N, C-alpha and C. Protein backbone atom coordinates (compact mmCIF):
# COMPACT_ATOMS: atom_id res chain seq x y z
N MET A 1 -51.84 74.90 51.07
CA MET A 1 -52.62 75.87 50.31
C MET A 1 -51.67 76.93 49.76
N LYS A 2 -51.39 76.91 48.49
CA LYS A 2 -50.46 77.86 47.87
C LYS A 2 -51.23 79.11 47.46
N VAL A 3 -50.74 80.26 47.90
CA VAL A 3 -51.32 81.54 47.53
C VAL A 3 -50.21 82.44 47.01
N LYS A 4 -50.57 83.57 46.45
CA LYS A 4 -49.60 84.50 45.90
C LYS A 4 -48.71 85.07 47.01
N LYS A 5 -47.40 85.11 46.76
CA LYS A 5 -46.45 85.73 47.69
C LYS A 5 -46.26 87.18 47.28
N MET A 6 -46.54 88.09 48.19
CA MET A 6 -46.43 89.51 47.90
C MET A 6 -44.99 89.98 48.11
N GLN A 7 -44.64 91.10 47.54
CA GLN A 7 -43.30 91.67 47.69
C GLN A 7 -43.14 92.43 49.00
N SER A 8 -44.26 92.81 49.59
CA SER A 8 -44.24 93.53 50.87
C SER A 8 -45.12 92.78 51.86
N PRO A 9 -44.95 93.05 53.15
CA PRO A 9 -45.71 92.29 54.15
C PRO A 9 -47.19 92.59 54.13
N ASN A 10 -47.97 91.60 54.51
CA ASN A 10 -49.40 91.77 54.74
C ASN A 10 -49.50 92.40 56.13
N THR A 11 -49.78 93.67 56.20
CA THR A 11 -49.65 94.43 57.44
C THR A 11 -50.59 93.97 58.55
N GLY A 12 -51.63 93.26 58.24
CA GLY A 12 -52.56 92.80 59.26
C GLY A 12 -52.18 91.48 59.90
N ILE A 13 -51.05 90.89 59.48
CA ILE A 13 -50.67 89.56 59.96
C ILE A 13 -49.26 89.61 60.56
N LYS A 14 -49.12 89.12 61.79
CA LYS A 14 -47.80 88.94 62.40
C LYS A 14 -47.51 87.45 62.38
N CYS A 15 -46.31 87.07 61.96
CA CYS A 15 -45.92 85.67 61.93
C CYS A 15 -44.48 85.53 62.40
N VAL A 16 -44.24 84.60 63.32
CA VAL A 16 -42.89 84.38 63.83
C VAL A 16 -42.29 83.06 63.34
N VAL A 17 -42.98 82.38 62.43
CA VAL A 17 -42.54 81.07 61.93
C VAL A 17 -41.54 81.29 60.80
N ASN A 18 -40.25 81.37 61.16
CA ASN A 18 -39.23 81.71 60.17
C ASN A 18 -38.89 80.57 59.21
N THR A 19 -39.55 79.43 59.34
CA THR A 19 -39.35 78.32 58.40
C THR A 19 -40.43 78.30 57.32
N CYS A 20 -41.30 79.30 57.31
CA CYS A 20 -42.39 79.36 56.33
C CYS A 20 -41.94 80.11 55.08
N TYR A 21 -42.40 79.64 53.93
CA TYR A 21 -42.13 80.28 52.63
C TYR A 21 -42.56 81.75 52.62
N TYR A 22 -43.61 82.09 53.33
CA TYR A 22 -44.17 83.44 53.32
C TYR A 22 -43.58 84.36 54.40
N TYR A 23 -42.67 83.85 55.21
CA TYR A 23 -42.08 84.64 56.30
C TYR A 23 -41.17 85.73 55.74
N MET A 24 -41.24 86.92 56.36
CA MET A 24 -40.34 88.02 56.02
C MET A 24 -39.71 88.53 57.32
N ASP A 25 -38.42 88.88 57.27
CA ASP A 25 -37.73 89.41 58.46
C ASP A 25 -38.57 90.48 59.14
N GLY A 26 -38.54 90.46 60.46
CA GLY A 26 -39.33 91.41 61.24
C GLY A 26 -40.65 90.80 61.68
N ASP A 27 -40.78 89.48 61.52
CA ASP A 27 -42.00 88.73 61.88
C ASP A 27 -43.22 89.15 61.07
N HIS A 28 -43.02 89.24 59.76
CA HIS A 28 -44.09 89.59 58.84
C HIS A 28 -44.48 88.39 57.98
N CYS A 29 -45.69 88.43 57.45
CA CYS A 29 -46.19 87.42 56.52
C CYS A 29 -46.40 88.07 55.17
N THR A 30 -45.93 87.42 54.10
CA THR A 30 -46.10 87.97 52.76
C THR A 30 -47.15 87.23 51.95
N ALA A 31 -47.91 86.34 52.60
CA ALA A 31 -49.00 85.66 51.90
C ALA A 31 -50.11 86.66 51.59
N GLU A 32 -50.65 86.59 50.39
CA GLU A 32 -51.73 87.49 50.00
C GLU A 32 -52.94 87.31 50.93
N ARG A 33 -53.16 86.08 51.36
CA ARG A 33 -54.23 85.77 52.31
C ARG A 33 -53.83 84.51 53.05
N ILE A 34 -54.42 84.28 54.22
CA ILE A 34 -54.13 83.07 54.98
C ILE A 34 -55.42 82.34 55.30
N GLU A 35 -55.27 81.06 55.61
CA GLU A 35 -56.41 80.26 56.06
C GLU A 35 -56.02 79.62 57.38
N VAL A 36 -56.85 79.84 58.40
CA VAL A 36 -56.63 79.26 59.72
C VAL A 36 -57.67 78.17 59.93
N GLN A 37 -57.22 77.00 60.39
CA GLN A 37 -58.09 75.84 60.58
C GLN A 37 -57.88 75.27 61.98
N PRO A 38 -58.74 74.39 62.44
CA PRO A 38 -59.98 73.85 61.87
C PRO A 38 -61.20 74.69 62.26
N ARG A 39 -62.29 74.40 61.63
CA ARG A 39 -63.52 75.14 61.81
C ARG A 39 -64.01 75.15 63.26
N ASN A 40 -63.99 74.05 63.94
CA ASN A 40 -64.60 73.96 65.27
C ASN A 40 -63.60 74.06 66.43
N ALA A 41 -62.50 74.74 66.24
CA ALA A 41 -61.51 74.91 67.32
C ALA A 41 -62.14 75.66 68.48
N SER A 42 -61.70 75.31 69.69
CA SER A 42 -62.25 76.00 70.87
C SER A 42 -61.19 76.81 71.61
N ASN A 43 -59.92 76.74 71.16
CA ASN A 43 -58.88 77.59 71.74
C ASN A 43 -57.73 77.72 70.73
N SER A 44 -56.80 78.62 71.01
CA SER A 44 -55.73 78.89 70.04
C SER A 44 -54.80 77.70 69.83
N GLU A 45 -54.65 76.85 70.83
CA GLU A 45 -53.79 75.67 70.68
C GLU A 45 -54.33 74.68 69.66
N GLN A 46 -55.61 74.74 69.38
CA GLN A 46 -56.22 73.82 68.42
C GLN A 46 -56.22 74.36 66.99
N THR A 47 -55.64 75.51 66.77
CA THR A 47 -55.65 76.12 65.44
C THR A 47 -54.27 76.04 64.78
N ASP A 48 -54.26 76.14 63.46
CA ASP A 48 -53.00 76.28 62.74
C ASP A 48 -53.22 77.00 61.43
N CYS A 49 -52.13 77.47 60.85
CA CYS A 49 -52.18 78.20 59.59
C CYS A 49 -52.08 77.19 58.45
N ALA A 50 -53.17 77.00 57.74
CA ALA A 50 -53.18 76.06 56.62
C ALA A 50 -52.41 76.60 55.42
N THR A 51 -52.03 77.86 55.46
CA THR A 51 -51.27 78.47 54.37
C THR A 51 -49.79 78.13 54.46
N PHE A 52 -49.32 77.67 55.61
CA PHE A 52 -47.91 77.36 55.84
C PHE A 52 -47.37 76.41 54.78
N ILE A 53 -46.23 76.79 54.21
CA ILE A 53 -45.45 75.93 53.31
C ILE A 53 -44.02 76.01 53.81
N LYS A 54 -43.40 74.87 54.04
CA LYS A 54 -42.02 74.85 54.54
C LYS A 54 -41.09 75.48 53.52
N ASN A 55 -40.28 76.41 53.98
CA ASN A 55 -39.32 77.09 53.12
C ASN A 55 -38.22 76.10 52.71
N GLN A 56 -37.91 76.06 51.43
CA GLN A 56 -36.89 75.13 50.92
C GLN A 56 -35.54 75.70 51.12
């Protein structure tokens, strides 16, 4: 899911995945918005960020 990459961090989101296109030093996310899936997850291990794009 490609979304706009902001120039500054999305202050409400912490991300430690430094291989993501939207990652910013300091464990920040620069995605304008994120999508977490799947709908019927019952714990955090069953979820993932559908916004993730591998950094080239």
